[in-house]
Protein backbone atom coordinates (compact mmCIF):
# COMPACT_ATOMS: atom_id res chain seq x y z
CA MET A 1 -0.02 0.07 0.13
CA ARG A 2 1.34 3.53 -0.79
CA ASP A 3 -0.11 6.85 0.25
CA VAL A 4 0.56 9.84 -1.71
CA PHE A 5 0.96 13.52 -0.54
CA LYS A 6 1.03 16.48 -2.50
CA VAL A 7 2.35 19.86 -1.94
CA THR A 8 2.16 22.59 -3.78
CA THR A 9 4.88 25.17 -3.01
CA ALA A 10 5.83 28.33 -5.18
CA GLY A 11 4.48 26.66 -8.53
CA TYR A 12 6.61 23.22 -7.85
CA LEU A 13 4.75 19.77 -7.43
CA VAL A 14 6.67 17.30 -5.35
CA VAL A 15 5.66 13.92 -4.99
CA PHE A 16 6.35 11.83 -2.10
CA LEU A 17 5.86 8.00 -2.03
CA ILE A 18 5.91 6.51 1.57
CA VAL A 19 5.34 2.99 1.81
CA ALA A 20 3.06 2.93 4.97
CA SER A 21 -0.42 3.58 5.81
CA ILE A 22 -0.03 6.14 8.52
CA PHE A 23 2.88 8.64 8.79
CA SER A 24 4.02 11.92 10.02
CA PHE A 25 4.77 14.88 7.69
CA GLN A 26 7.33 17.19 9.65
CA TYR A 27 7.96 20.20 7.94
CA ALA A 28 6.73 22.19 4.64
CA SER A 29 7.65 25.67 4.00
CA ALA A 30 7.05 28.01 1.10
CA GLU A 31 8.75 31.69 1.58
CA LEU A 32 6.21 33.12 -0.85
CA SER A 33 3.21 31.41 -1.19
CA GLN A 34 -0.49 32.17 -1.82
CA GLY A 35 -1.94 28.97 -1.45
CA SER A 36 -0.27 25.94 -0.20
CA SER A 37 -1.94 22.88 0.63
CA MET A 38 -1.68 19.56 2.34
CA SER A 39 -3.99 16.33 3.15
CA SER A 40 -3.87 12.91 4.38
CA ASP A 41 -5.96 10.35 5.91
CA ASN A 42 -3.97 10.26 9.10
CA PHE A 43 -1.05 12.79 9.72
CA LYS A 44 0.15 15.43 12.16
CA VAL A 45 1.36 18.95 10.85
CA LEU A 46 4.27 20.15 13.44
CA ASP A 47 5.31 23.52 11.27
CA ALA A 48 2.60 24.12 8.75
CA GLN A 49 3.31 27.51 7.02
CA HIS A 50 5.51 30.35 7.10
CA GLY A 51 4.59 33.02 4.34
CA SER A 52 5.18 36.76 4.16
CA PHE A 53 2.07 39.15 4.20
CA GLY A 54 -1.04 37.93 2.83
CA ALA A 55 -0.26 34.32 2.93
CA ILE A 56 -3.04 31.69 3.09
CA SER A 57 -2.90 28.50 4.97
CA SER A 58 -5.40 25.67 4.80
CA SER A 59 -5.23 22.01 6.31
CA SER A 60 -8.15 19.30 6.39
CA SER A 61 -8.00 15.76 7.81
CA GLY A 62 -9.83 13.23 9.76
CA ASN A 63 -7.71 13.16 12.98
CA PHE A 64 -4.53 15.19 13.26
CA ILE A 65 -3.04 17.97 15.66
CA LEU A 66 -2.49 21.35 14.24
CA LEU A 67 0.53 22.45 16.72
CA GLY A 68 1.42 25.84 14.80
CA ASN A 69 0.48 28.28 11.90
CA ILE A 70 3.14 31.01 11.73
CA GLY A 71 2.90 33.86 9.51
CA ASP A 72 3.65 37.49 9.61
CA VAL A 73 -0.09 37.94 8.97
CA ALA A 74 -1.50 34.92 7.76
CA ILE A 75 -5.51 33.76 7.10
CA GLY A 76 -5.93 29.95 8.15
CA SER A 77 -8.94 27.37 8.17
CA SER A 78 -9.29 23.87 9.24
CA SER A 79 -11.99 21.46 8.95
CA ILE A 80 -12.04 18.55 10.43
CA THR A 81 -13.84 15.95 13.03
CA ASP A 82 -11.27 15.40 15.86
CA PHE A 83 -8.31 17.78 16.67
CA LYS A 84 -6.89 19.82 18.97
CA LEU A 85 -5.70 23.46 17.47
CA ASN A 86 -2.96 25.53 19.07
CA SER A 87 -2.09 28.40 16.56
CA GLY A 88 -1.13 31.87 15.79
CA PHE A 89 1.35 33.64 18.22
CA LEU A 90 0.66 32.79 21.73
CA TYR A 91 1.79 34.69 24.97
CA TYR A 92 1.41 33.82 28.53
CA PRO A 93 0.83 35.71 31.72
CA LYS A 94 3.33 35.94 34.49
CA VAL A 95 2.75 35.65 38.17
CA ILE A 96 5.13 36.07 41.25
CA ALA A 97 3.81 34.13 43.80
CA PRO A 98 3.01 35.74 47.29
CA ILE A 99 5.67 35.47 50.11
CA LEU A 100 4.02 34.05 53.55
CA ASN A 101 6.39 35.77 55.74
CA SER A 102 5.34 35.14 59.44
CA ALA A 103 2.93 33.11 61.50
CA THR A 104 2.74 34.12 64.98
CA ALA A 105 0.87 32.12 67.59
CA GLY A 106 -1.02 33.31 70.22
CA VAL A 107 -4.08 31.95 72.62
CA ASN A 108 -5.97 30.17 70.28
CA GLN A 109 -5.17 32.10 67.22
CA VAL A 110 -2.34 32.51 64.75
CA ALA A 111 -1.59 35.70 63.20
CA LEU A 112 -0.27 35.64 59.48
CA ALA A 113 1.29 38.05 57.35
CA TRP A 114 2.50 37.82 53.56
CA THR A 115 3.94 40.06 50.78
CA GLY A 116 1.22 40.11 48.13
CA ALA A 117 1.47 38.55 44.67
CA SER A 118 1.88 40.54 41.41
CA ALA A 119 0.62 39.73 37.97
CA PHE A 120 1.28 40.76 34.60
CA GLN A 121 0.32 40.49 30.99
CA GLY A 122 -3.32 40.40 31.44
CA LEU A 123 -3.79 38.89 34.67
CA SER A 124 -4.55 40.61 37.96
CA VAL A 125 -4.59 39.81 41.75
CA SER A 126 -8.08 40.24 43.36
CA GLY A 127 -7.88 38.66 46.62
CA TYR A 128 -6.29 35.64 48.54
CA ASP A 129 -7.12 32.28 50.56
CA VAL A 130 -5.60 31.56 53.62
CA CYS A 131 -5.38 27.58 53.84
CA LEU A 132 -4.61 25.52 56.85
CA LYS A 133 -4.32 22.12 57.76
CA SER A 134 -3.19 20.09 61.03
CA SER A 135 -0.97 17.32 61.11
CA GLY A 136 -2.02 14.78 58.44
CA GLY A 137 -4.82 16.62 57.05
CA ALA A 138 -5.75 18.04 54.18
CA TYR A 139 -5.90 22.10 53.30
CA ALA A 140 -8.69 23.68 54.13
CA CYS A 141 -9.07 27.34 52.85
CA SER A 142 -11.12 30.63 53.18
CA ASN A 143 -10.86 34.00 51.16
CA VAL A 144 -9.84 36.76 53.16
CA GLY A 145 -10.10 39.40 50.35
CA ASN A 146 -7.49 41.55 48.49
CA THR A 147 -5.41 41.80 51.97
CA THR A 148 -2.00 40.72 53.01
CA SER A 149 -2.68 39.76 56.72
CA SER A 150 -5.10 37.82 58.69
CA THR A 151 -5.54 35.97 61.88
CA GLN A 152 -6.93 32.70 62.24
CA THR A 153 -9.13 32.33 65.23
CA ASN A 154 -10.81 29.57 67.22
CA LEU A 155 -8.07 27.27 66.56
CA THR A 156 -7.28 24.39 68.87
CA ALA A 157 -4.35 25.10 71.72
CA ASP A 158 -1.55 22.80 71.21
CA VAL A 159 -2.10 21.37 67.71
CA ALA A 160 0.67 22.17 65.15
CA TYR A 161 -0.98 23.86 61.92
CA THR A 162 0.58 24.50 58.76
CA PHE A 163 -0.78 27.58 56.56
CA GLN A 164 0.02 28.63 52.79
CA ILE A 165 -1.37 31.30 50.74
CA GLU A 166 -3.45 31.34 47.33
CA ALA A 167 -3.47 34.25 45.32
CA LEU A 168 -6.83 34.61 43.21
CA ASP A 169 -7.44 36.24 39.84
CA ALA A 170 -10.61 38.66 39.23
CA LEU A 171 -12.72 35.31 38.17
CA ASN A 172 -11.41 33.69 41.82
CA ASN A 173 -8.86 31.10 40.08
CA ILE A 174 -5.85 30.12 41.47
CA ILE A 175 -3.20 31.46 39.82
CA ALA A 176 -0.17 31.26 42.53
CA ILE A 177 0.20 29.47 45.83
CA SER A 178 3.00 30.60 48.73
CA ASN A 179 5.53 28.89 50.49
CA GLU A 180 3.88 27.08 53.90
CA LEU A 181 4.61 28.18 57.68
CA SER A 182 3.61 26.17 60.75
CA ALA A 183 2.29 27.39 64.15
CA THR A 184 1.04 26.21 67.43
CA PRO A 185 -1.78 28.07 69.23
CA THR A 186 -1.16 28.21 72.84
CA ALA A 187 -3.99 27.47 75.27
CA PRO A 188 -5.59 30.36 77.48
CA ALA A 189 -5.08 30.48 81.28
CA PRO A 190 -8.59 30.66 83.29
CA THR A 191 -9.47 32.88 85.96
CA PRO A 192 -7.07 32.04 89.42
CA THR A 193 -9.34 29.80 91.32
CA PRO A 194 -7.85 28.57 94.73
CA THR A 195 -9.21 24.73 95.43
CA SER A 196 -8.62 23.22 98.56
CA THR A 197 -8.53 19.52 99.73
CA PRO A 198 -9.01 19.07 103.54
CA PRO A 199 -6.65 16.60 105.49
CA PRO A 200 -7.98 13.01 105.04
CA GLN A 201 -10.98 11.84 107.50
CA ASN A 202 -9.93 9.92 110.71
CA ASN A 203 -12.20 6.78 109.89
CA ASN A 204 -12.12 6.07 113.64
CA GLY A 205 -13.58 9.70 114.86
CA GLY A 206 -16.73 11.01 115.98
CA GLY A 207 -17.43 12.60 112.68
CA GLY A 208 -18.77 15.87 114.25
CA GLY A 209 -19.49 19.21 112.35
CA GLY A 210 -17.11 21.79 112.43
CA GLY A 211 -14.17 19.81 110.79
CA GLY A 212 -14.35 17.53 113.48
CA GLY A 213 -12.73 14.18 112.85
CA PHE A 214 -9.62 15.03 110.79
CA LEU A 215 -5.95 13.81 111.46
CA PRO A 216 -3.14 16.41 111.72
CA PRO A 217 -1.43 17.54 108.57
CA PRO A 218 1.70 15.63 107.96
CA SER A 219 4.84 17.36 108.68
CA GLY A 220 3.03 20.09 110.29
CA GLY A 221 1.19 21.21 107.17
CA GLY A 222 -0.12 20.73 103.65
CA ALA A 223 1.24 20.92 100.16
CA VAL A 224 0.34 23.94 98.07
CA LYS A 225 0.76 23.98 94.48
CA LEU A 226 1.13 26.97 92.72
CA ILE A 227 0.32 26.76 88.72
CA GLY A 228 0.64 29.96 86.01
CA ILE A 229 2.20 31.78 83.59
CA SER A 230 5.48 34.11 83.79
CA TYR A 231 7.43 35.61 81.45
CA PRO A 232 9.31 33.18 78.45
CA LEU A 233 12.86 32.15 80.09
CA SER A 234 12.14 33.93 83.36
CA THR A 235 12.84 32.64 87.10
CA VAL A 236 9.68 32.29 89.22
CA PHE A 237 10.35 32.53 92.88
CA ALA A 238 8.18 30.81 95.41
CA TYR A 239 7.80 32.60 99.09
CA LEU A 240 6.42 30.95 102.66
CA ASN A 241 6.10 33.65 104.98
CA GLU A 242 8.51 36.04 103.11
CA ALA A 243 11.39 33.71 102.79
CA VAL A 244 12.08 31.93 99.01
CA VAL A 245 11.41 28.03 99.54
CA SER A 246 11.78 27.38 95.78
CA SER A 247 12.45 28.64 92.30
CA ILE A 248 12.05 27.45 88.72
CA LYS A 249 13.28 27.86 85.26
CA THR A 250 10.72 28.84 82.86
CA GLY A 251 10.53 28.00 79.12
CA PRO A 252 9.64 29.42 75.92
CA THR A 253 6.27 29.58 76.95
CA GLY A 254 6.39 31.04 80.44
CA ALA A 255 4.31 28.13 82.19
CA PHE A 256 5.37 27.10 85.51
CA GLN A 257 4.42 24.76 88.43
CA ILE A 258 5.69 24.75 91.69
CA THR A 259 4.62 22.82 95.00
CA VAL A 260 5.44 23.99 98.52
CA ALA A 261 5.39 21.39 101.10
CA ASN A 262 4.83 21.57 104.65
CA VAL A 263 2.45 25.02 104.78
CA PRO A 264 0.84 25.79 108.03
CA ALA A 265 -2.48 27.16 108.52
CA ASP A 266 -2.53 31.00 108.58
CA ALA A 267 0.63 30.96 106.07
CA THR A 268 1.26 33.46 103.24
CA ILE A 269 2.52 32.42 99.81
CA GLY A 270 3.98 34.45 97.63
CA ILE A 271 4.84 34.22 93.93
CA GLY A 272 7.37 36.23 91.82
CA SER A 273 9.28 36.29 88.97
CA GLN A 274 12.57 37.87 87.29
CA ASP A 275 12.78 38.27 83.83
CA SER A 276 15.35 37.41 81.16
CA ASN A 277 16.99 40.77 81.54
CA GLY A 278 17.41 40.46 85.56
CA ARG A 279 14.49 42.94 86.43
CA LYS A 280 12.18 41.75 89.25
CA SER A 281 8.42 41.72 89.51
CA ILE A 282 6.48 42.60 92.88
CA THR A 283 5.50 39.49 94.82
CA VAL A 284 1.67 38.27 94.58
CA SER A 285 0.78 36.88 97.97
CA TYR A 286 -1.98 34.46 98.85
CA PRO A 287 -2.89 33.95 102.34
CA ILE A 288 -3.64 30.16 103.17
CA SER A 289 -6.21 29.75 106.14
CA SER A 290 -6.03 26.02 106.64
CA ALA A 291 -3.41 23.57 106.63
CA GLY A 292 -4.97 21.14 104.05
CA SER A 293 -3.44 20.64 100.47
CA MET A 294 -4.41 23.20 98.00
CA THR A 295 -4.01 24.14 94.33
CA ILE A 296 -3.50 27.88 93.26
CA SER A 297 -3.90 27.90 89.73
CA ASN A 298 -4.04 30.19 86.57
CA ILE A 299 -1.67 32.70 88.25
CA LEU A 300 -0.67 35.90 86.24
CA VAL A 301 2.86 36.97 87.49
CA PRO A 302 3.00 41.08 87.26
CA THR A 303 4.84 42.71 84.61
CA THR A 304 8.43 44.02 85.27
CA ILE A 305 8.88 47.74 84.07
CA GLU A 306 11.62 49.98 83.77
CA LEU A 307 11.94 53.76 82.16
CA SER A 308 14.30 54.89 79.87
CA SER A 309 14.86 58.23 82.12
CA TYR A 310 14.02 59.17 85.48
CA GLN A 311 13.92 63.10 84.83
CA LEU A 312 13.12 64.63 80.98
CA ALA A 313 11.98 67.86 79.47
CA ARG A 314 8.49 68.04 78.52
CA GLY A 315 8.08 66.83 75.08
CA ASP A 316 10.63 64.44 75.41
CA ILE A 317 10.15 60.76 74.52
CA LEU A 318 10.13 58.80 77.60
CA ARG A 319 10.59 54.65 76.74
CA ILE A 320 8.57 52.83 79.11
CA PHE A 321 9.33 48.98 78.66
CA GLY A 322 9.68 45.35 80.20
CA GLN A 323 8.77 41.94 80.21
CA GLY A 324 5.45 40.27 80.51
CA PRO A 325 3.90 36.77 79.46
CA ALA A 326 4.25 35.83 75.64
CA VAL A 327 1.86 37.51 73.31
CA SER A 328 -0.15 39.09 76.25
CA GLU A 329 -1.67 42.67 75.78
CA VAL A 330 0.06 44.90 78.18
CA ASP A 331 -1.66 48.19 79.87
CA VAL A 332 0.80 50.87 80.68
CA HIS A 333 -0.76 53.38 83.17
CA VAL A 334 1.16 56.96 83.36
CA PHE A 335 -0.36 58.84 86.38
CA SER A 336 -0.97 62.32 87.23
CA LYS A 337 -3.97 62.15 85.04
CA GLU A 338 -4.18 58.93 84.08
CA ILE A 339 -3.40 57.77 80.84
CA ILE A 340 -3.63 53.90 79.57
CA ASN A 341 -1.78 52.94 76.77
CA LYS A 342 -2.51 49.32 75.31
CA LEU A 343 0.25 47.39 73.37
CA GLY A 344 1.23 44.13 72.88
CA ALA A 345 4.04 41.98 74.25
CA ASP A 346 6.00 39.91 71.39
CA ASN A 347 6.98 36.28 71.72
CA ASN A 348 9.62 36.69 74.40
CA GLY A 349 7.11 38.83 76.47
CA SER A 350 9.07 42.16 75.89
CA TYR A 351 6.94 45.22 75.16
CA THR A 352 7.97 49.13 74.75
CA LEU A 353 5.93 52.23 74.78
CA SER A 354 7.58 55.39 73.43
CA PHE A 355 5.25 57.86 75.39
CA ASN A 356 5.18 61.74 74.49
CA THR A 357 5.57 63.46 77.61
CA GLN A 358 3.81 66.83 76.10
CA VAL A 359 0.87 66.09 77.53
CA LEU A 360 2.06 66.14 80.98
CA PRO A 361 2.62 69.32 83.16
CA GLU A 362 5.95 70.25 84.34
CA ASP A 363 5.73 67.99 87.71
CA SER A 364 6.26 63.98 88.99
CA HIS A 365 4.69 61.55 87.50
CA THR A 366 4.22 57.55 88.17
CA ALA A 367 3.92 54.49 85.49
CA LYS A 368 3.11 50.88 86.08
CA SER A 369 1.82 48.11 83.38
CA ARG A 370 -0.26 45.00 83.99
CA ALA A 371 -0.75 42.31 81.39
CA ILE A 372 -3.92 40.70 80.21
CA LEU A 373 -4.17 37.43 78.87
CA ALA A 374 -7.30 35.17 77.88
CA ASP A 375 -9.34 37.59 80.11
CA VAL A 376 -6.73 37.22 82.97
CA VAL A 377 -5.60 40.11 84.57
CA SER A 378 -2.24 40.34 86.52
CA PRO A 379 -1.66 42.70 89.43
CA PHE A 380 0.28 45.65 88.65
CA SER A 381 3.74 45.76 88.51
CA GLU A 382 6.15 48.21 90.50
CA VAL A 383 5.29 51.58 90.35
CA LYS A 384 7.96 53.94 88.61
CA THR A 385 8.75 57.68 89.41
CA PHE A 386 10.01 60.48 86.86
CA ILE A 387 9.77 64.01 86.60
CA VAL A 388 9.22 66.54 83.61
CA GLY A 389 10.59 69.62 83.44
CA ASN A 390 13.17 70.98 85.67
CA LYS A 391 11.93 70.63 88.95
CA PRO A 392 14.45 69.33 91.17
CA VAL A 393 14.73 65.81 92.15
CA ASN A 394 13.32 65.42 95.76
CA THR A 395 15.95 63.17 97.56
CA ASN A 396 13.92 63.10 100.49
CA ALA A 397 11.16 61.11 98.47
CA GLN A 398 10.84 57.24 99.41
CA SER A 399 9.12 54.38 97.97
CA THR A 400 5.19 53.82 99.45
CA ASP A 401 6.59 50.33 100.88
CA LEU A 402 7.00 51.99 104.28
CA ASN A 403 7.84 48.63 106.14
CA HIS A 404 10.09 47.53 103.30
CA ASP A 405 8.46 43.98 102.97
CA GLY A 406 8.01 44.32 99.35
CA ARG A 407 4.38 45.10 99.30
CA ILE A 408 2.44 47.94 99.92
CA ASN A 409 -0.58 47.09 101.81
CA ILE A 410 -2.56 47.62 104.97
CA ILE A 411 0.57 47.81 107.02
CA ASP A 412 2.05 50.68 105.10
CA PHE A 413 -1.51 52.71 105.55
CA SER A 414 -0.85 52.27 109.33
CA VAL A 415 2.70 53.35 109.28
CA LEU A 416 0.99 56.43 107.19
CA MET A 417 -1.75 57.06 109.40
CA TYR A 418 0.59 56.94 112.57
CA TRP A 419 2.62 59.53 111.48
CA TRP A 420 -0.25 61.81 109.53
CA ASN A 421 0.29 65.71 109.78
CA THR A 422 3.35 64.78 111.62
CA LYS A 423 6.07 68.18 112.18
CA SER A 424 8.77 65.39 113.52
CA GLN A 425 11.75 64.37 111.44
CA GLN A 426 11.20 60.90 112.64
CA GLY A 427 7.76 61.10 111.16
CA LEU A 428 8.60 62.75 107.97
CA THR A 429 11.74 60.17 107.10
CA ALA A 430 9.37 57.59 107.78
CA ALA A 431 6.11 58.29 105.80
CA ASP A 432 6.53 61.37 103.77
CA ILE A 433 6.55 59.51 100.66
CA ASN A 434 6.49 62.61 98.01
CA GLY A 435 9.14 64.07 100.24
CA ASP A 436 7.34 67.60 100.48
CA GLY A 437 7.76 68.14 104.21
CA LYS A 438 4.44 66.91 105.13
CA VAL A 439 2.15 63.63 105.64
CA ASN A 440 -0.97 64.51 104.02
CA ILE A 441 -3.51 63.21 101.44
CA ILE A 442 -0.94 63.35 98.47
CA ASP A 443 0.95 60.76 100.21
CA PHE A 444 -1.90 58.82 100.80
CA SER A 445 -2.99 59.02 97.12
CA ILE A 446 0.32 57.63 95.92
CA LEU A 447 0.10 54.86 98.57
CA LEU A 448 -3.08 53.97 97.18
CA PHE A 449 -2.07 54.12 93.19
CA GLN A 450 0.84 52.04 94.14
CA TRP A 451 -1.11 49.48 96.37
CA THR A 452 -0.51 45.76 96.04
CA GLY A 453 -2.12 43.76 98.75
């Protein structure tokens, strides 16, 4: 069997004799052509025509693929029953994929930020999908609009999630996909609730009311377990009646658990911390009324605080900084007229406020901070005093901790009341908090502002 394929090229007739029922014709060309034609029962044209301006190409087959028809300006026509046509001068759009820069874990959430995608040559970016999956799962995606940041909420604590970003065109087709990043949300800390466990009952006792029938606590007292959140990489100290009895180094989350043994009734348990820069928090105290075992949970250690300057001109920027629990909200209170500044701690628990002192009168002022994490509010930090303006620093001013026990409470209030309106130097030395030569309502106000309990 022989097939005959005829090519008419610029007035020439070429006859090819091929011994086969099916063949592939690779190339036919005419530099100047007004009517080149090709036909076969079953063939493939790979490069059909190259003609100058005005060239006309035509092809017909029962089953073939036409991959290219190249001409400066060409008129092409084809009539077939089953084929794929990719013809003419084609161009393809270009897309630069988005870059997922950060995935910051918080309490049951992860904050994402990315660099937007770029599209050229006919395409445009109209929005983004945020896709997430847990270990071994499939991606679930949701549209977040045309933005470059999103916080994914209601996530499960302590579960590792992987995220990626999909760029979409105007028809919501996916045109590019970002890199992947992973993050693990943290668990919220509930409100501190002391729960007590009474000593074991004496089964040989009478079982009367008022707590009768209990064995005496072993070794003179029960065990108190302290559970809470401090700062990342901090040292947490446990106190029994103001003496350090235990300490623990926290990890990146700041979580801690300390057990104090042999705690008698009517004792005081305290918790304080030292941050990674050596700054110490105030001590939070918990009175223990019974000698039974007890758990004090969900403790949020007070923030540490420091000032960049203790005297500066009005309008200067005062940096107020310190450390608190990781990714917590930090409230910084500046007091004269009270100004509350809300900011966030980073993954290391560090916070910094650049405070413009232009809003303050030239006088003495104070600053303190506290942390808020998952609706749990810590006690306030130590109170720092600073002066705006050229007012001389009063070297007679002293701390509100009048009895120097590390707390500002009813004992300091009693000292203040004892020396109220005194004229003696002994009384002024003991209770004149602001150093103005008087023990009066101003000292009382400062004491209340710095109250720790």
